[in-house]
Amino acid sequence: MALHLNHFYPYTSRHGKQPKPPLTSARPRPTKFQVRAASINARELIQSGAVRPIPPKEAAMAMSSEGFILLDIRPDWERDKARVAGSLHVPLFVKDMESSPVTLLKKWVHFGYVGLWTGQNFTTLNPDFLRQVEAEVPDKDAKLLVACGEGLRSIMAASKLYAGGFKNLGWLAGGFNRSADSDFPAVEGVRKIAIRNHRWCFLFLPSITHTVASRGQG
């Protein structure tokens, strides 16, 4: 606890020495506060209206009538299987090629708990994500509809884009997996774009979805 010295008056002790000034607390902020300060909270972006949630059934209209550009941030192996024709692609996560002992252990755990059942690769955050989006879309006033499979990665991407200066952002609420076959008629690839059985990972999505629903009722 920091001590306030507004009413501190120096005095001389009977030994003629000045007392040492009291120590103030210099403890660093807890990590969770540092993380929160460094990143923009997704729920706050939605509640404030900085990022507009757009349901899949309204996405085509937002693109055709309002000029939104669909930005697919899924990794290559997901997009290769199914994608919306004409959409931009910049992955938020890329395959982790690191081969250190710690990373190899993480990959082994990932394969046992996730990769074996879903076919997902072990990934790491794309360090060039913002720069790559800026190369594709130099105009930061452009309307971007950020999308992924379930919606969690895309709201993370939208937070990064907002912090990087993009202000006209939409978020595909719930992701492609909540879309109907008719929501995106121009789909390329070897399967449908919605995967109904991938509910194994995104444990934080319900809280964001609840925020969207509450905002819609308000």
Protein backbone atom coordinates (compact mmCIF):
# COMPACT_ATOMS: atom_id res chain seq x y z
CA MET A 1 0.00 0.00 0.00
CA ALA A 2 1.53 3.33 -1.01
CA LEU A 3 1.94 5.91 1.78
CA HIS A 4 0.83 9.48 1.05
CA LEU A 5 3.34 12.07 2.21
CA ASN A 6 1.21 15.19 1.90
CA HIS A 7 1.52 15.95 5.60
CA PHE A 8 5.01 14.66 6.20
CA TYR A 9 7.26 17.18 7.95
CA PRO A 10 10.99 16.43 8.21
CA TYR A 11 12.53 16.60 11.62
CA THR A 12 15.91 16.01 13.20
CA SER A 13 16.26 13.29 15.75
CA ARG A 14 18.15 13.82 18.97
CA HIS A 15 21.10 12.10 17.38
CA GLY A 16 21.22 14.70 14.62
CA LYS A 17 20.36 12.33 11.81
CA GLN A 18 17.54 12.69 9.36
CA PRO A 19 15.22 9.70 9.46
CA LYS A 20 15.05 7.60 6.35
CA PRO A 21 12.00 8.39 4.19
CA PRO A 22 9.28 5.78 4.36
CA LEU A 23 9.30 3.25 1.57
CA THR A 24 6.44 3.38 -0.91
CA SER A 25 5.08 0.26 -2.45
CA ALA A 26 6.56 -0.46 -5.88
CA ARG A 27 4.81 -3.74 -6.51
CA PRO A 28 4.04 -4.33 -10.20
CA ARG A 29 0.46 -4.60 -11.34
CA PRO A 30 -0.92 -8.12 -11.38
CA THR A 31 -0.52 -9.85 -14.71
CA LYS A 32 -4.25 -9.96 -15.39
CA PHE A 33 -4.42 -6.16 -15.24
CA GLN A 34 -1.42 -5.85 -17.55
CA VAL A 35 -3.06 -8.20 -20.03
CA ARG A 36 -6.34 -6.34 -19.84
CA ALA A 37 -4.57 -3.02 -20.43
CA ALA A 38 -2.66 -4.43 -23.39
CA SER A 39 -5.68 -5.91 -25.15
CA ILE A 40 -9.14 -4.59 -25.84
CA ASN A 41 -11.87 -6.61 -24.19
CA ALA A 42 -14.10 -8.26 -26.77
CA ARG A 43 -17.26 -7.92 -24.71
CA GLU A 44 -16.63 -4.21 -24.21
CA LEU A 45 -16.17 -3.72 -27.95
CA ILE A 46 -19.56 -5.30 -28.64
CA GLN A 47 -21.36 -3.52 -25.80
CA SER A 48 -19.97 -0.15 -26.85
CA GLY A 49 -20.89 -0.69 -30.49
CA ALA A 50 -17.26 -0.46 -31.63
CA VAL A 51 -17.64 -3.91 -33.19
CA ARG A 52 -21.02 -4.76 -34.72
CA PRO A 53 -22.22 -8.35 -34.33
CA ILE A 54 -23.75 -9.61 -37.57
CA PRO A 55 -25.58 -12.97 -37.58
CA PRO A 56 -24.76 -15.30 -40.47
CA LYS A 57 -28.26 -14.90 -41.92
CA GLU A 58 -27.60 -11.13 -42.29
CA ALA A 59 -24.02 -11.41 -43.55
CA ALA A 60 -24.79 -11.59 -47.27
CA MET A 61 -26.99 -8.50 -47.05
CA ALA A 62 -24.32 -6.63 -45.08
CA MET A 63 -21.79 -7.42 -47.80
CA SER A 64 -24.02 -6.64 -50.79
CA SER A 65 -25.88 -3.61 -49.44
CA GLU A 66 -23.51 -2.07 -46.90
CA GLY A 67 -20.16 -2.80 -48.47
CA PHE A 68 -18.72 -5.12 -45.84
CA ILE A 69 -15.71 -7.19 -46.93
CA LEU A 70 -15.66 -10.71 -45.53
CA LEU A 71 -12.32 -11.40 -43.83
CA ASP A 72 -11.80 -15.10 -43.14
CA ILE A 73 -9.20 -15.48 -40.37
CA ARG A 74 -9.27 -19.30 -40.14
CA PRO A 75 -6.03 -21.22 -40.72
CA ASP A 76 -5.28 -22.56 -44.18
CA TRP A 77 -6.37 -26.15 -43.55
CA GLU A 78 -9.84 -25.04 -42.44
CA ARG A 79 -10.34 -22.60 -45.27
CA ASP A 80 -9.16 -25.08 -47.89
CA LYS A 81 -12.09 -27.38 -47.04
CA ALA A 82 -14.79 -24.70 -47.40
CA ARG A 83 -14.74 -20.96 -47.99
CA VAL A 84 -17.00 -18.15 -49.15
CA ALA A 85 -16.13 -17.17 -52.71
CA GLY A 86 -14.49 -13.76 -52.95
CA SER A 87 -13.63 -13.49 -49.25
CA LEU A 88 -10.25 -12.25 -48.09
CA HIS A 89 -8.03 -14.57 -46.10
CA VAL A 90 -5.50 -13.66 -43.42
CA PRO A 91 -5.07 -16.32 -40.72
CA LEU A 92 -4.98 -15.22 -37.11
CA PHE A 93 -3.27 -18.49 -36.16
CA VAL A 94 -0.67 -20.40 -38.14
CA LYS A 95 0.82 -23.85 -37.73
CA ASP A 96 3.48 -23.88 -35.02
CA MET A 97 6.74 -25.10 -36.57
CA GLU A 98 8.76 -24.68 -33.36
CA SER A 99 10.62 -27.85 -32.36
CA SER A 100 11.84 -27.06 -28.86
CA PRO A 101 11.29 -29.79 -26.20
CA VAL A 102 8.59 -27.74 -24.47
CA THR A 103 6.73 -27.12 -27.72
CA LEU A 104 6.98 -30.77 -28.71
CA LEU A 105 5.45 -31.73 -25.36
CA LYS A 106 2.62 -29.25 -25.91
CA LYS A 107 2.03 -30.69 -29.38
CA TRP A 108 1.85 -34.19 -27.95
CA VAL A 109 -0.72 -33.11 -25.34
CA HIS A 110 -2.67 -31.19 -27.96
CA PHE A 111 -2.79 -34.22 -30.24
CA GLY A 112 -4.02 -36.46 -27.44
CA TYR A 113 -6.75 -34.14 -26.22
CA VAL A 114 -7.79 -32.21 -29.33
CA GLY A 115 -5.94 -32.96 -32.54
CA LEU A 116 -6.64 -36.70 -32.58
CA TRP A 117 -10.41 -36.11 -32.48
CA THR A 118 -10.74 -32.98 -34.59
CA GLY A 119 -7.81 -32.98 -37.01
CA GLN A 120 -6.74 -29.56 -35.76
CA ASN A 121 -3.06 -28.67 -35.96
CA PHE A 122 -1.11 -27.14 -33.10
CA THR A 123 -1.06 -23.42 -33.81
CA THR A 124 0.57 -20.21 -32.72
CA LEU A 125 -0.55 -16.61 -33.11
CA ASN A 126 0.35 -15.12 -36.48
CA PRO A 127 2.84 -12.34 -35.62
CA ASP A 128 2.22 -10.61 -38.97
CA PHE A 129 -1.56 -10.68 -38.80
CA LEU A 130 -2.16 -6.93 -38.63
CA ARG A 131 0.49 -6.13 -41.23
CA GLN A 132 -0.96 -8.70 -43.62
CA VAL A 133 -4.48 -7.30 -43.23
CA GLU A 134 -3.15 -3.79 -43.84
CA ALA A 135 -1.52 -5.05 -47.03
CA GLU A 136 -4.84 -6.52 -48.21
CA VAL A 137 -6.95 -3.57 -47.01
CA PRO A 138 -4.89 -0.36 -46.88
CA ASP A 139 -7.98 1.77 -46.18
CA LYS A 140 -8.68 1.51 -42.46
CA ASP A 141 -12.09 3.07 -42.98
CA ALA A 142 -13.14 0.00 -44.98
CA LYS A 143 -15.89 -2.17 -43.54
CA LEU A 144 -14.55 -5.57 -42.52
CA LEU A 145 -16.72 -8.49 -41.46
CA VAL A 146 -14.36 -10.75 -39.50
CA ALA A 147 -15.25 -14.44 -39.51
CA CYS A 148 -14.05 -17.83 -38.29
CA GLY A 149 -15.61 -21.20 -37.49
CA GLU A 150 -17.15 -20.60 -34.07
CA GLY A 151 -16.70 -16.86 -33.49
CA LEU A 152 -14.07 -16.78 -30.75
CA ARG A 153 -10.99 -16.39 -32.93
CA SER A 154 -12.72 -13.77 -35.06
CA ILE A 155 -13.62 -11.58 -32.09
CA MET A 156 -9.98 -11.82 -31.00
CA ALA A 157 -8.98 -10.74 -34.50
CA ALA A 158 -11.48 -7.89 -34.43
CA SER A 159 -9.94 -6.68 -31.16
CA LYS A 160 -6.50 -6.64 -32.76
CA LEU A 161 -7.79 -4.85 -35.83
CA TYR A 162 -9.57 -2.25 -33.71
CA ALA A 163 -6.39 -1.61 -31.74
CA GLY A 164 -4.55 -1.32 -35.08
CA GLY A 165 -6.79 1.47 -36.33
CA PHE A 166 -9.63 -0.31 -38.15
CA LYS A 167 -12.88 1.19 -36.88
CA ASN A 168 -15.64 -0.12 -39.19
CA LEU A 169 -15.65 -3.69 -37.96
CA GLY A 170 -18.30 -6.38 -38.01
CA TRP A 171 -18.10 -9.76 -36.29
CA LEU A 172 -19.79 -12.85 -37.71
CA ALA A 173 -21.64 -13.77 -34.51
CA GLY A 174 -21.29 -17.48 -33.80
CA GLY A 175 -19.10 -18.02 -36.84
CA PHE A 176 -19.64 -20.06 -39.98
CA ASN A 177 -20.79 -23.05 -37.93
CA ARG A 178 -24.02 -21.27 -37.02
CA SER A 179 -24.84 -20.50 -40.61
CA ALA A 180 -27.47 -22.20 -42.73
CA ASP A 181 -26.73 -23.53 -46.20
CA SER A 182 -28.55 -20.58 -47.75
CA ASP A 183 -26.69 -17.89 -45.77
CA PHE A 184 -23.60 -18.08 -48.00
CA PRO A 185 -24.75 -19.39 -51.38
CA ALA A 186 -21.35 -19.01 -53.08
CA VAL A 187 -19.26 -21.54 -51.15
CA GLU A 188 -16.18 -23.20 -52.59
CA GLY A 189 -14.39 -26.32 -51.34
CA VAL A 190 -15.05 -29.97 -50.65
CA ARG A 191 -17.70 -29.69 -47.93
CA LYS A 192 -20.27 -27.35 -46.41
CA ILE A 193 -18.93 -24.34 -44.57
CA ALA A 194 -20.85 -25.08 -41.34
CA ILE A 195 -19.55 -27.91 -39.14
CA ARG A 196 -22.26 -28.85 -36.66
CA ASN A 197 -20.22 -31.11 -34.39
CA HIS A 198 -17.34 -28.79 -33.48
CA ARG A 199 -18.39 -27.75 -30.00
CA TRP A 200 -15.34 -29.01 -28.20
CA CYS A 201 -13.21 -25.92 -27.79
CA PHE A 202 -14.84 -22.54 -27.51
CA LEU A 203 -15.89 -22.44 -23.90
CA PHE A 204 -15.90 -18.64 -23.73
CA LEU A 205 -18.25 -18.13 -26.66
CA PRO A 206 -21.52 -18.42 -24.67
CA SER A 207 -20.65 -15.34 -22.57
CA ILE A 208 -19.99 -13.28 -25.71
CA THR A 209 -23.16 -14.60 -27.36
CA HIS A 210 -25.09 -13.65 -24.24
CA THR A 211 -23.70 -10.13 -24.53
CA VAL A 212 -24.90 -9.93 -28.12
CA ALA A 213 -28.36 -11.16 -27.15
CA SER A 214 -28.60 -8.71 -24.25
CA ARG A 215 -27.53 -5.86 -26.50
CA GLY A 216 -30.18 -6.82 -29.03
CA GLN A 217 -32.89 -6.76 -26.37
CA GLY A 218 -31.86 -3.40 -25.02
